[in-house]
């Protein structure tokens, strides 16, 4: 049944963080600390306010960066460079996942709200180098983040994605709405399922799920 749902798919779009590795690696714990420190310095606020702004902007704008740009005209590049300078020791190579991604028919891309250089570091730590044809970060969408429809339109146009023959794998259910609206097959990759008409499939084991296709 699952394989039949993907028989038409020739373009495979994967989110990065908490999708291509398990959330238990907790990379975002490191990133959030760096974001809070950056906001404290850039805006001259205390830790409590910086944490509030970080969370509020993520909820309202899709990413903390988008909120900082909208409300404080923050330069995105120094922010992105600083917050993604983290330790990857918690990530382990996954040879079976690499094999299953490589056997997917057609084009395979990464699309992340992080940056492409950061994505390359994650892929290296997971042993997933060479599994993807292209990598797209938030910088390639003019710093507009998922879940904005405009961001998806920009990236899919650059990547030449035929959304009628595409699938999206993503841990944040918000980021599956636009792909669903564009006619893509959507897969929520997370420990817990989130109900939604825009989510076709859920899995807590990406490697196992790809083995069904």
Protein backbone atom coordinates (compact mmCIF):
# COMPACT_ATOMS: atom_id res chain seq x y z
CA UNK A 1 0.00 0.00 0.00
CA UNK A 2 2.75 2.47 0.93
CA UNK A 3 4.83 1.67 -2.14
CA UNK A 4 1.83 2.22 -4.42
CA UNK A 5 1.35 5.70 -2.94
CA UNK A 6 4.86 6.63 -4.08
CA UNK A 7 5.01 4.80 -7.40
CA UNK A 8 4.67 8.09 -9.30
CA UNK A 9 7.33 9.97 -7.32
CA UNK A 10 10.52 10.96 -9.14
CA UNK A 11 11.49 14.03 -7.07
CA UNK A 12 12.32 13.45 -3.40
CA UNK A 13 12.65 16.43 -1.05
CA UNK A 14 14.08 15.92 2.43
CA UNK A 15 14.22 18.31 5.33
CA UNK A 16 17.43 18.06 7.37
CA UNK A 17 17.22 18.64 11.11
CA UNK A 18 15.28 16.05 13.12
CA UNK A 19 14.39 14.35 9.82
CA UNK A 20 17.65 12.84 8.59
CA UNK A 21 18.71 12.19 12.18
CA UNK A 22 16.67 11.36 15.29
CA UNK A 23 15.65 14.29 17.52
CA UNK A 24 17.37 12.53 20.43
CA UNK A 25 20.66 13.89 19.04
CA UNK A 26 19.38 17.26 20.31
CA UNK A 27 21.42 19.42 17.96
CA UNK A 28 18.83 22.14 18.36
CA UNK A 29 19.66 22.40 22.06
CA UNK A 30 23.03 23.76 20.96
CA UNK A 31 21.56 25.97 18.25
CA UNK A 32 18.95 27.47 20.56
CA UNK A 33 21.62 28.43 23.12
CA UNK A 34 23.61 30.17 20.41
CA UNK A 35 20.48 31.91 19.10
CA UNK A 36 19.64 33.22 22.55
CA UNK A 37 23.18 34.51 23.08
CA UNK A 38 23.14 36.19 19.67
CA UNK A 39 19.79 37.88 20.33
CA UNK A 40 20.99 39.11 23.73
CA UNK A 41 24.05 40.73 22.15
CA UNK A 42 22.38 42.04 18.99
CA UNK A 43 19.32 43.53 20.68
CA UNK A 44 20.74 44.32 24.10
CA UNK A 45 18.13 42.31 25.99
CA UNK A 46 18.44 39.89 28.90
CA UNK A 47 18.32 36.11 28.58
CA UNK A 48 14.65 35.82 29.50
CA UNK A 49 13.57 38.30 26.83
CA UNK A 50 15.94 36.78 24.25
CA UNK A 51 14.45 33.32 24.84
CA UNK A 52 10.93 34.74 24.53
CA UNK A 53 11.72 36.50 21.27
CA UNK A 54 13.45 33.40 19.87
CA UNK A 55 10.39 31.27 20.56
CA UNK A 56 7.81 33.88 19.58
CA UNK A 57 9.48 34.61 16.25
CA UNK A 58 9.80 30.89 15.48
CA UNK A 59 6.06 30.44 16.05
CA UNK A 60 4.99 33.59 14.19
CA UNK A 61 7.44 33.64 11.30
CA UNK A 62 8.63 30.06 10.81
CA UNK A 63 12.16 30.78 12.03
CA UNK A 64 13.71 33.02 14.66
CA UNK A 65 15.79 34.60 11.91
CA UNK A 66 12.74 35.63 9.87
CA UNK A 67 11.32 37.42 12.91
CA UNK A 68 14.61 39.15 13.64
CA UNK A 69 14.84 40.32 10.04
CA UNK A 70 11.23 41.52 10.00
CA UNK A 71 11.28 43.35 13.32
CA UNK A 72 14.92 44.36 13.78
CA UNK A 73 16.43 44.42 10.27
CA UNK A 74 19.03 41.87 11.36
CA UNK A 75 21.79 40.90 8.92
CA UNK A 76 21.15 37.17 8.34
CA UNK A 77 24.59 35.90 7.35
CA UNK A 78 26.52 36.54 10.60
CA UNK A 79 23.58 35.12 12.55
CA UNK A 80 23.42 31.95 10.48
CA UNK A 81 27.18 31.44 10.64
CA UNK A 82 27.25 31.80 14.43
CA UNK A 83 24.23 29.70 15.40
CA UNK A 84 25.23 26.74 13.20
CA UNK A 85 28.75 26.55 14.63
CA UNK A 86 28.00 23.52 16.80
CA UNK A 87 29.33 20.08 17.74
CA UNK A 88 28.16 17.07 15.69
CA UNK A 89 29.51 14.30 17.92
CA UNK A 90 25.99 13.08 18.75
CA UNK A 91 25.41 12.07 15.13
CA UNK A 92 26.36 8.62 13.88
CA UNK A 93 26.67 7.28 10.33
CA UNK A 94 23.69 5.32 9.02
CA UNK A 95 24.80 3.15 6.12
CA UNK A 96 21.36 1.58 5.64
CA UNK A 97 19.67 4.99 5.41
CA UNK A 98 22.29 6.07 2.88
CA UNK A 99 21.66 2.97 0.78
CA UNK A 100 17.90 3.46 0.79
CA UNK A 101 18.10 7.12 -0.14
CA UNK A 102 20.47 6.37 -3.00
CA UNK A 103 18.09 3.77 -4.45
CA UNK A 104 15.14 6.18 -4.65
CA UNK A 105 14.32 6.68 -8.34
CA UNK A 106 14.86 10.18 -9.71
CA UNK A 107 16.16 13.37 -8.17
CA UNK A 108 16.90 13.73 -4.45
CA UNK A 109 17.41 17.09 -2.74
CA UNK A 110 17.81 18.59 0.73
CA UNK A 111 15.74 21.65 1.60
CA UNK A 112 16.42 23.07 5.06
CA UNK A 113 15.74 26.25 7.00
CA UNK A 114 19.39 25.99 8.00
CA UNK A 115 22.21 26.74 5.58
CA UNK A 116 23.70 24.56 2.88
CA UNK A 117 27.19 24.51 4.50
CA UNK A 118 25.61 23.42 7.79
CA UNK A 119 23.65 20.72 5.96
CA UNK A 120 26.86 19.40 4.44
CA UNK A 121 28.34 19.00 7.93
CA UNK A 122 25.28 17.10 9.13
CA UNK A 123 25.34 14.84 6.08
CA UNK A 124 29.03 14.12 6.60
CA UNK A 125 28.45 13.16 10.23
CA UNK A 126 25.60 10.84 9.17
CA UNK A 127 27.54 9.24 6.33
CA UNK A 128 25.05 10.59 3.80
CA UNK A 129 27.46 12.39 1.49
CA UNK A 130 26.70 11.66 -2.13
CA UNK A 131 23.10 10.69 -1.44
CA UNK A 132 21.60 13.93 -2.73
CA UNK A 133 21.81 15.72 -6.04
CA UNK A 134 21.47 19.22 -4.59
CA UNK A 135 21.31 20.99 -1.23
CA UNK A 136 19.21 24.10 -0.64
CA UNK A 137 19.31 26.23 2.49
CA UNK A 138 17.36 29.26 3.66
CA UNK A 139 19.89 31.46 1.86
CA UNK A 140 18.69 30.05 -1.46
CA UNK A 141 15.12 31.20 -0.70
CA UNK A 142 16.20 34.81 -0.11
CA UNK A 143 16.14 34.01 3.63
CA UNK A 144 12.40 33.34 3.54
CA UNK A 145 11.69 30.26 5.64
CA UNK A 146 9.47 27.27 5.45
CA UNK A 147 6.48 27.18 5.97
CA UNK A 148 6.05 30.24 3.68
CA UNK A 149 4.62 29.23 0.32
CA UNK A 150 6.91 31.73 -1.41
CA UNK A 151 9.97 29.98 0.01
CA UNK A 152 8.85 26.63 -1.41
CA UNK A 153 8.07 28.21 -4.79
CA UNK A 154 11.56 29.71 -4.98
CA UNK A 155 13.37 26.50 -4.05
CA UNK A 156 11.26 24.19 -6.17
CA UNK A 157 11.73 26.46 -9.18
CA UNK A 158 15.50 26.49 -8.69
CA UNK A 159 15.59 22.71 -8.22
CA UNK A 160 13.24 21.99 -11.11
CA UNK A 161 10.86 20.03 -8.90
CA UNK A 162 7.73 18.67 -10.56
CA UNK A 163 5.41 18.79 -7.55
CA UNK A 164 2.93 16.41 -9.17
CA UNK A 165 5.67 13.77 -9.07
CA UNK A 166 7.29 14.73 -5.77
CA UNK A 167 7.34 13.80 -2.09
CA UNK A 168 8.37 15.82 0.97
CA UNK A 169 9.81 14.37 4.19
CA UNK A 170 9.70 16.79 7.12
CA UNK A 171 9.63 16.79 10.92
CA UNK A 172 7.65 20.05 11.34
CA UNK A 173 4.01 19.47 10.31
CA UNK A 174 3.62 23.17 9.47
CA UNK A 175 6.14 22.71 6.68
CA UNK A 176 4.05 20.07 4.94
CA UNK A 177 1.06 22.31 4.22
CA UNK A 178 2.54 24.04 1.18
CA UNK A 179 3.89 20.81 -0.35
CA UNK A 180 0.47 19.22 0.11
CA UNK A 181 -1.21 22.20 -1.55
CA UNK A 182 1.23 21.85 -4.43
CA UNK A 183 0.18 18.25 -4.98
CA UNK A 184 3.10 16.50 -3.31
CA UNK A 185 3.02 13.31 -1.27
CA UNK A 186 3.78 14.35 2.34
CA UNK A 187 5.52 12.36 5.08
CA UNK A 188 5.73 13.56 8.67
CA UNK A 189 8.92 12.20 10.25
CA UNK A 190 8.67 12.51 14.04
CA UNK A 191 8.35 10.42 17.21
CA UNK A 192 4.68 11.40 17.55
CA UNK A 193 2.08 11.77 14.82
CA UNK A 194 0.31 15.09 14.27
CA UNK A 195 -3.16 14.74 12.74
CA UNK A 196 -3.80 16.82 9.66
CA UNK A 197 -5.44 16.52 6.27
CA UNK A 198 -2.21 17.80 4.71
CA UNK A 199 -0.21 14.85 6.08
CA UNK A 200 -0.44 11.64 4.05
CA UNK A 201 1.94 9.48 6.06
CA UNK A 202 3.69 9.49 9.43
CA UNK A 203 6.77 7.56 10.50
CA UNK A 204 9.07 7.57 13.49
CA UNK A 205 11.63 5.55 11.52
CA UNK A 206 12.70 7.12 8.22
CA UNK A 207 15.06 4.27 7.34
CA UNK A 208 12.33 1.70 7.89
CA UNK A 209 9.77 3.75 5.96
CA UNK A 210 12.04 4.09 2.94
CA UNK A 211 12.47 0.33 3.02
CA UNK A 212 8.75 0.00 2.26
CA UNK A 213 8.95 2.02 -0.96
